[in-house]
Amino acid sequence: MEPKNYLVVKIEGEYAYLRDENGECDEDLFIALALLPAGVNVGTRLHYEMFEYTVED
């Protein structure tokens, strides 16, 4: 699986909606906050690689 960059666009309860910044997918990804780094909020940029999300600087 190749690395991807996402933007957190919405948080509802215990779930976040991630938008693909590479433009490869038109639909937002729906994922549990427990799988994301602590402190993630709307507007946070994430990098996904090797089944792990990290916050982008």
N, C-alpha and C. Protein backbone atom coordinates (compact mmCIF):
# COMPACT_ATOMS: atom_id res chain seq x y z
N MET A 1 0.84 -1.18 0.00
CA MET A 1 0.00 0.00 0.00
C MET A 1 0.89 1.24 0.00
N GLU A 2 0.61 2.15 -0.90
CA GLU A 2 1.45 3.35 -1.01
C GLU A 2 1.05 4.41 0.02
N PRO A 3 1.97 5.29 0.39
CA PRO A 3 1.68 6.36 1.35
C PRO A 3 0.62 7.32 0.80
N LYS A 4 -0.19 7.85 1.71
CA LYS A 4 -1.23 8.82 1.34
C LYS A 4 -1.27 9.93 2.36
N ASN A 5 -1.77 11.08 1.93
CA ASN A 5 -1.97 12.22 2.81
C ASN A 5 -3.45 12.54 2.89
N TYR A 6 -3.90 12.83 4.11
CA TYR A 6 -5.31 13.11 4.35
C TYR A 6 -5.46 14.40 5.15
N LEU A 7 -6.65 14.99 5.04
CA LEU A 7 -7.03 16.16 5.82
C LEU A 7 -8.28 15.78 6.60
N VAL A 8 -8.29 16.03 7.92
CA VAL A 8 -9.48 15.77 8.73
C VAL A 8 -10.47 16.90 8.44
N VAL A 9 -11.62 16.54 7.85
CA VAL A 9 -12.60 17.56 7.46
C VAL A 9 -13.79 17.64 8.39
N LYS A 10 -14.05 16.56 9.17
CA LYS A 10 -15.19 16.57 10.07
C LYS A 10 -15.00 15.50 11.14
N ILE A 11 -15.47 15.81 12.35
CA ILE A 11 -15.47 14.83 13.44
C ILE A 11 -16.89 14.75 13.99
N GLU A 12 -17.42 13.53 14.04
CA GLU A 12 -18.75 13.29 14.59
C GLU A 12 -18.65 12.19 15.63
N GLY A 13 -18.81 12.53 16.88
CA GLY A 13 -18.72 11.54 17.95
C GLY A 13 -17.33 10.93 18.01
N GLU A 14 -17.26 9.63 17.83
CA GLU A 14 -16.00 8.91 17.90
C GLU A 14 -15.39 8.62 16.53
N TYR A 15 -15.87 9.32 15.50
CA TYR A 15 -15.41 9.07 14.13
C TYR A 15 -14.95 10.35 13.45
N ALA A 16 -14.00 10.20 12.54
CA ALA A 16 -13.48 11.33 11.77
C ALA A 16 -13.67 11.04 10.28
N TYR A 17 -13.85 12.10 9.52
CA TYR A 17 -13.92 12.00 8.07
C TYR A 17 -12.62 12.56 7.50
N LEU A 18 -11.94 11.75 6.71
CA LEU A 18 -10.66 12.15 6.13
C LEU A 18 -10.81 12.34 4.63
N ARG A 19 -10.27 13.43 4.12
CA ARG A 19 -10.30 13.71 2.68
C ARG A 19 -8.92 13.42 2.10
N ASP A 20 -8.91 12.67 1.03
CA ASP A 20 -7.67 12.31 0.33
C ASP A 20 -7.09 13.56 -0.33
N GLU A 21 -5.91 13.98 0.10
CA GLU A 21 -5.27 15.18 -0.47
C GLU A 21 -4.57 14.88 -1.79
N ASN A 22 -4.43 13.61 -2.14
CA ASN A 22 -3.79 13.25 -3.40
C ASN A 22 -4.77 13.30 -4.56
N GLY A 23 -6.06 13.49 -4.25
CA GLY A 23 -7.07 13.59 -5.28
C GLY A 23 -7.42 12.29 -5.96
N GLU A 24 -7.07 11.16 -5.35
CA GLU A 24 -7.33 9.87 -5.96
C GLU A 24 -8.72 9.33 -5.66
N CYS A 25 -9.38 9.86 -4.64
CA CYS A 25 -10.70 9.36 -4.24
C CYS A 25 -11.63 10.55 -4.00
N ASP A 26 -12.85 10.45 -4.54
CA ASP A 26 -13.82 11.53 -4.39
C ASP A 26 -14.59 11.48 -3.07
N GLU A 27 -14.63 10.31 -2.44
CA GLU A 27 -15.38 10.15 -1.20
C GLU A 27 -14.46 10.28 0.01
N ASP A 28 -15.00 10.85 1.10
CA ASP A 28 -14.24 10.96 2.34
C ASP A 28 -14.17 9.60 3.03
N LEU A 29 -13.06 9.35 3.71
CA LEU A 29 -12.85 8.11 4.45
C LEU A 29 -13.40 8.29 5.86
N PHE A 30 -14.19 7.35 6.32
CA PHE A 30 -14.83 7.38 7.64
C PHE A 30 -14.04 6.43 8.53
N ILE A 31 -13.42 6.96 9.62
CA ILE A 31 -12.54 6.13 10.45
C ILE A 31 -12.68 6.47 11.93
N ALA A 32 -12.52 5.47 12.79
CA ALA A 32 -12.62 5.68 14.23
C ALA A 32 -11.45 6.53 14.74
N LEU A 33 -11.77 7.46 15.63
CA LEU A 33 -10.73 8.32 16.21
C LEU A 33 -9.68 7.51 16.97
N ALA A 34 -10.05 6.37 17.50
CA ALA A 34 -9.11 5.53 18.25
C ALA A 34 -7.94 5.05 17.38
N LEU A 35 -8.12 5.05 16.07
CA LEU A 35 -7.06 4.62 15.16
C LEU A 35 -6.14 5.78 14.74
N LEU A 36 -6.48 6.99 15.16
CA LEU A 36 -5.70 8.18 14.78
C LEU A 36 -4.86 8.66 15.95
N PRO A 37 -3.80 9.44 15.68
CA PRO A 37 -2.96 9.97 16.77
C PRO A 37 -3.77 10.85 17.73
N ALA A 38 -3.35 10.90 18.97
CA ALA A 38 -4.01 11.74 19.97
C ALA A 38 -3.95 13.21 19.56
N GLY A 39 -5.00 13.94 19.87
CA GLY A 39 -5.03 15.37 19.60
C GLY A 39 -5.48 15.74 18.20
N VAL A 40 -5.92 14.78 17.41
CA VAL A 40 -6.38 15.08 16.06
C VAL A 40 -7.65 15.91 16.13
N ASN A 41 -7.74 16.93 15.28
CA ASN A 41 -8.89 17.82 15.24
C ASN A 41 -9.18 18.17 13.80
N VAL A 42 -10.30 18.85 13.56
CA VAL A 42 -10.63 19.29 12.21
C VAL A 42 -9.50 20.19 11.70
N GLY A 43 -9.04 19.93 10.50
CA GLY A 43 -7.95 20.71 9.91
C GLY A 43 -6.58 20.06 10.05
N THR A 44 -6.49 18.99 10.84
CA THR A 44 -5.22 18.28 11.01
C THR A 44 -4.87 17.53 9.73
N ARG A 45 -3.61 17.62 9.33
CA ARG A 45 -3.13 16.88 8.16
C ARG A 45 -2.45 15.61 8.66
N LEU A 46 -2.81 14.49 8.01
CA LEU A 46 -2.29 13.19 8.42
C LEU A 46 -1.56 12.52 7.27
N HIS A 47 -0.55 11.74 7.62
CA HIS A 47 0.18 10.94 6.65
C HIS A 47 -0.07 9.48 7.01
N TYR A 48 -0.45 8.67 6.01
CA TYR A 48 -0.73 7.25 6.22
C TYR A 48 0.29 6.41 5.47
N GLU A 49 0.97 5.55 6.22
CA GLU A 49 1.97 4.67 5.62
C GLU A 49 2.18 3.47 6.54
N MET A 50 2.28 2.29 5.96
CA MET A 50 2.53 1.06 6.72
C MET A 50 1.48 0.86 7.82
N PHE A 51 0.20 1.11 7.50
CA PHE A 51 -0.94 0.92 8.40
C PHE A 51 -0.88 1.82 9.62
N GLU A 52 -0.24 2.98 9.51
CA GLU A 52 -0.12 3.90 10.63
C GLU A 52 -0.35 5.33 10.17
N TYR A 53 -1.11 6.08 10.98
CA TYR A 53 -1.35 7.50 10.71
C TYR A 53 -0.43 8.32 11.59
N THR A 54 0.20 9.34 11.00
CA THR A 54 1.02 10.28 11.77
C THR A 54 0.60 11.70 11.40
N VAL A 55 0.79 12.63 12.33
CA VAL A 55 0.45 14.03 12.08
C VAL A 55 1.54 14.66 11.24
N GLU A 56 1.14 15.34 10.17
CA GLU A 56 2.09 16.05 9.31
C GLU A 56 2.41 17.41 9.91
N ASP A 57 3.62 17.83 9.81
CA ASP A 57 4.04 19.16 10.30
C ASP A 57 3.69 20.24 9.32
